[in-house]
């Protein structure tokens, strides 16, 4: 999907979006002067919480995002494997931020296994959760 609008509008679109199999998200902001430091971080995180499997790759172009914000984003985005952020010709993902992501294929496989285990536990809980509730009168 290609949209040429303000980042807040893109955030609203992401807030309303639900896809059952979203693994990669690419956002390209073409108006570099528009809301220079604004990007739909919360909308992306909420989208990740609603979609299974989780976002593995996020690519953002055309927004300047501080290293601190990117580091927080990576830590909050569970199971993120790859992050690309560019502003003009500059790559904004620093070695520190890149170090928060899986460093090799074994780490990616371990992360995917953890995700599968989490889903299995959730499915077991959902299967037995109604029987754990106290009876209603």
C-alpha atoms as a PDB file:
ATOM      1  CA  UNK A   1       0.000   0.000   0.000  1.00  0.00           C
ATOM      2  CA  UNK A   2       1.372   3.420  -0.940  1.00  0.00           C
ATOM      3  CA  UNK A   3       0.054   6.499   0.857  1.00  0.00           C
ATOM      4  CA  UNK A   4       1.389  10.033   0.541  1.00  0.00           C
ATOM      5  CA  UNK A   5       0.082  11.768   3.659  1.00  0.00           C
ATOM      6  CA  UNK A   6       1.087  12.964   7.134  1.00  0.00           C
ATOM      7  CA  UNK A   7       2.548  10.420   9.560  1.00  0.00           C
ATOM      8  CA  UNK A   8      -0.376  10.945  11.946  1.00  0.00           C
ATOM      9  CA  UNK A   9      -2.786   9.844   9.212  1.00  0.00           C
ATOM     10  CA  UNK A  10      -0.627   6.787   8.558  1.00  0.00           C
ATOM     11  CA  UNK A  11      -0.754   6.095  12.299  1.00  0.00           C
ATOM     12  CA  UNK A  12      -4.560   6.153  12.186  1.00  0.00           C
ATOM     13  CA  UNK A  13      -4.568   3.763   9.206  1.00  0.00           C
ATOM     14  CA  UNK A  14      -2.271   1.374  11.092  1.00  0.00           C
ATOM     15  CA  UNK A  15      -4.496   1.633  14.185  1.00  0.00           C
ATOM     16  CA  UNK A  16      -7.477   0.426  12.133  1.00  0.00           C
ATOM     17  CA  UNK A  17      -5.562  -2.298  10.299  1.00  0.00           C
ATOM     18  CA  UNK A  18      -5.767  -5.948  11.224  1.00  0.00           C
ATOM     19  CA  UNK A  19      -3.987  -8.588   9.195  1.00  0.00           C
ATOM     20  CA  UNK A  20      -3.610 -12.144  10.401  1.00  0.00           C
ATOM     21  CA  UNK A  21      -0.267 -12.704   8.683  1.00  0.00           C
ATOM     22  CA  UNK A  22       1.760  -9.484   8.647  1.00  0.00           C
ATOM     23  CA  UNK A  23       5.483 -10.154   8.848  1.00  0.00           C
ATOM     24  CA  UNK A  24       6.966  -7.104   7.106  1.00  0.00           C
ATOM     25  CA  UNK A  25       6.068  -3.418   7.209  1.00  0.00           C
ATOM     26  CA  UNK A  26       7.619  -0.750   4.979  1.00  0.00           C
ATOM     27  CA  UNK A  27       6.802   2.922   5.459  1.00  0.00           C
ATOM     28  CA  UNK A  28       8.184   5.513   3.046  1.00  0.00           C
ATOM     29  CA  UNK A  29       7.606   9.132   3.960  1.00  0.00           C
ATOM     30  CA  UNK A  30       8.169  11.357   0.950  1.00  0.00           C
ATOM     31  CA  UNK A  31       7.579  14.796   2.476  1.00  0.00           C
ATOM     32  CA  UNK A  32      10.783  15.209   4.481  1.00  0.00           C
ATOM     33  CA  UNK A  33       9.635  18.563   5.929  1.00  0.00           C
ATOM     34  CA  UNK A  34       6.377  17.104   7.303  1.00  0.00           C
ATOM     35  CA  UNK A  35       6.539  16.468  11.034  1.00  0.00           C
ATOM     36  CA  UNK A  36      10.257  15.753  10.976  1.00  0.00           C
ATOM     37  CA  UNK A  37      10.440  13.868  14.290  1.00  0.00           C
ATOM     38  CA  UNK A  38       6.963  12.351  14.206  1.00  0.00           C
ATOM     39  CA  UNK A  39       6.541   8.721  13.253  1.00  0.00           C
ATOM     40  CA  UNK A  40       3.760   6.235  14.053  1.00  0.00           C
ATOM     41  CA  UNK A  41       5.703   4.257  16.681  1.00  0.00           C
ATOM     42  CA  UNK A  42       2.701   3.464  18.902  1.00  0.00           C
ATOM     43  CA  UNK A  43       0.563   2.500  15.903  1.00  0.00           C
ATOM     44  CA  UNK A  44       3.251   0.073  14.688  1.00  0.00           C
ATOM     45  CA  UNK A  45       3.549  -1.463  18.159  1.00  0.00           C
ATOM     46  CA  UNK A  46      -0.217  -1.841  18.466  1.00  0.00           C
ATOM     47  CA  UNK A  47      -0.342  -3.394  15.004  1.00  0.00           C
ATOM     48  CA  UNK A  48       2.326  -5.884  16.090  1.00  0.00           C
ATOM     49  CA  UNK A  49       0.199  -6.847  19.100  1.00  0.00           C
ATOM     50  CA  UNK A  50      -2.830  -7.522  16.873  1.00  0.00           C
ATOM     51  CA  UNK A  51      -1.074  -9.522  14.128  1.00  0.00           C
ATOM     52  CA  UNK A  52       0.217 -13.057  14.160  1.00  0.00           C
ATOM     53  CA  UNK A  53       2.926 -13.961  13.384  1.00  0.00           C
ATOM     54  CA  UNK A  54       4.675 -10.894  14.710  1.00  0.00           C
ATOM     55  CA  UNK A  55       6.361  -8.298  12.581  1.00  0.00           C
ATOM     56  CA  UNK A  56       9.806  -9.618  11.724  1.00  0.00           C
ATOM     57  CA  UNK A  57      10.952  -6.728   9.510  1.00  0.00           C
ATOM     58  CA  UNK A  58      10.260  -3.011   9.741  1.00  0.00           C
ATOM     59  CA  UNK A  59      11.597  -0.494   7.248  1.00  0.00           C
ATOM     60  CA  UNK A  60      11.060   3.257   7.600  1.00  0.00           C
ATOM     61  CA  UNK A  61      12.332   5.827   5.124  1.00  0.00           C
ATOM     62  CA  UNK A  62      11.999   9.590   5.218  1.00  0.00           C
ATOM     63  CA  UNK A  63      11.769  10.193   8.970  1.00  0.00           C
ATOM     64  CA  UNK A  64      14.555  11.233  11.302  1.00  0.00           C
ATOM     65  CA  UNK A  65      14.307   9.059  14.404  1.00  0.00           C
ATOM     66  CA  UNK A  66      16.689   9.397  17.324  1.00  0.00           C
ATOM     67  CA  UNK A  67      18.811   6.436  18.401  1.00  0.00           C
ATOM     68  CA  UNK A  68      17.135   6.371  21.831  1.00  0.00           C
ATOM     69  CA  UNK A  69      13.701   6.046  20.203  1.00  0.00           C
ATOM     70  CA  UNK A  70      14.912   3.286  17.895  1.00  0.00           C
ATOM     71  CA  UNK A  71      16.462   1.368  20.800  1.00  0.00           C
ATOM     72  CA  UNK A  72      13.198   1.606  22.781  1.00  0.00           C
ATOM     73  CA  UNK A  73      11.259   0.537  19.702  1.00  0.00           C
ATOM     74  CA  UNK A  74      13.422  -2.574  19.193  1.00  0.00           C
ATOM     75  CA  UNK A  75      13.112  -3.523  22.867  1.00  0.00           C
ATOM     76  CA  UNK A  76       9.328  -3.110  22.800  1.00  0.00           C
ATOM     77  CA  UNK A  77       8.860  -4.922  19.472  1.00  0.00           C
ATOM     78  CA  UNK A  78       8.962  -8.520  20.524  1.00  0.00           C
ATOM     79  CA  UNK A  79      10.529 -10.874  17.967  1.00  0.00           C
ATOM     80  CA  UNK A  80      11.748  -8.157  15.585  1.00  0.00           C
ATOM     81  CA  UNK A  81      14.485  -9.577  13.355  1.00  0.00           C
ATOM     82  CA  UNK A  82      15.423  -6.684  11.087  1.00  0.00           C
ATOM     83  CA  UNK A  83      15.105  -2.900  11.221  1.00  0.00           C
ATOM     84  CA  UNK A  84      15.995  -0.386   8.521  1.00  0.00           C
ATOM     85  CA  UNK A  85      15.564   3.354   9.065  1.00  0.00           C
ATOM     86  CA  UNK A  86      16.851   5.932   6.613  1.00  0.00           C
ATOM     87  CA  UNK A  87      16.553   9.676   6.393  1.00  0.00           C
ATOM     88  CA  UNK A  88      17.754  10.904   3.026  1.00  0.00           C
ATOM     89  CA  UNK A  89      21.127   9.230   2.421  1.00  0.00           C
ATOM     90  CA  UNK A  90      21.707   8.514   6.149  1.00  0.00           C
ATOM     91  CA  UNK A  91      21.206   5.105   7.757  1.00  0.00           C
ATOM     92  CA  UNK A  92      19.848   5.783  11.269  1.00  0.00           C
ATOM     93  CA  UNK A  93      20.156   2.288  12.749  1.00  0.00           C
ATOM     94  CA  UNK A  94      23.342   2.570  14.785  1.00  0.00           C
ATOM     95  CA  UNK A  95      25.560  -0.339  15.871  1.00  0.00           C
ATOM     96  CA  UNK A  96      24.012  -0.060  19.367  1.00  0.00           C
ATOM     97  CA  UNK A  97      20.474  -0.465  17.996  1.00  0.00           C
ATOM     98  CA  UNK A  98      21.572  -3.214  15.601  1.00  0.00           C
ATOM     99  CA  UNK A  99      23.097  -5.017  18.589  1.00  0.00           C
ATOM    100  CA  UNK A 100      19.630  -5.298  20.145  1.00  0.00           C
ATOM    101  CA  UNK A 101      18.445  -7.394  17.184  1.00  0.00           C
ATOM    102  CA  UNK A 102      19.299 -11.079  16.618  1.00  0.00           C
ATOM    103  CA  UNK A 103      22.890 -11.252  15.391  1.00  0.00           C
ATOM    104  CA  UNK A 104      22.883 -14.518  13.461  1.00  0.00           C
ATOM    105  CA  UNK A 105      20.634 -17.233  12.079  1.00  0.00           C
ATOM    106  CA  UNK A 106      20.819 -19.268  15.301  1.00  0.00           C
ATOM    107  CA  UNK A 107      19.541 -16.275  17.294  1.00  0.00           C
ATOM    108  CA  UNK A 108      16.696 -15.790  14.803  1.00  0.00           C
ATOM    109  CA  UNK A 109      15.740 -19.474  15.058  1.00  0.00           C
ATOM    110  CA  UNK A 110      15.866 -19.296  18.859  1.00  0.00           C
ATOM    111  CA  UNK A 111      13.633 -16.221  18.802  1.00  0.00           C
ATOM    112  CA  UNK A 112      11.150 -17.940  16.482  1.00  0.00           C
ATOM    113  CA  UNK A 113      11.101 -20.985  18.777  1.00  0.00           C
ATOM    114  CA  UNK A 114      10.326 -18.722  21.737  1.00  0.00           C
ATOM    115  CA  UNK A 115       7.459 -17.215  19.761  1.00  0.00           C
ATOM    116  CA  UNK A 116       6.072 -20.667  18.911  1.00  0.00           C
ATOM    117  CA  UNK A 117       6.276 -21.677  22.564  1.00  0.00           C
ATOM    118  CA  UNK A 118       4.454 -18.506  23.611  1.00  0.00           C
ATOM    119  CA  UNK A 119       1.672 -19.204  21.094  1.00  0.00           C
ATOM    120  CA  UNK A 120       1.320 -22.812  22.276  1.00  0.00           C
ATOM    121  CA  UNK A 121       1.012 -21.683  25.904  1.00  0.00           C
ATOM    122  CA  UNK A 122      -1.569 -19.092  24.906  1.00  0.00           C
ATOM    123  CA  UNK A 123      -3.601 -21.697  23.004  1.00  0.00           C
ATOM    124  CA  UNK A 124      -3.566 -24.051  25.995  1.00  0.00           C
ATOM    125  CA  UNK A 125      -4.646 -21.200  28.266  1.00  0.00           C
ATOM    126  CA  UNK A 126      -7.467 -20.203  25.919  1.00  0.00           C
ATOM    127  CA  UNK A 127      -8.632 -23.807  25.685  1.00  0.00           C
ATOM    128  CA  UNK A 128      -8.850 -24.236  29.466  1.00  0.00           C
ATOM    129  CA  UNK A 129      -9.553 -20.650  30.561  1.00  0.00           C
ATOM    130  CA  UNK A 130     -13.376 -21.020  30.574  1.00  0.00           C
ATOM    131  CA  UNK A 131     -13.123 -23.968  32.993  1.00  0.00           C
ATOM    132  CA  UNK A 132     -10.945 -21.924  35.352  1.00  0.00           C
ATOM    133  CA  UNK A 133     -13.612 -19.250  35.828  1.00  0.00           C
ATOM    134  CA  UNK A 134     -15.823 -19.500  38.921  1.00  0.00           C
ATOM    135  CA  UNK A 135     -19.396 -20.636  38.208  1.00  0.00           C
ATOM    136  CA  UNK A 136     -21.947 -17.870  37.797  1.00  0.00           C
ATOM    137  CA  UNK A 137     -25.294 -18.012  39.502  1.00  0.00           C
END
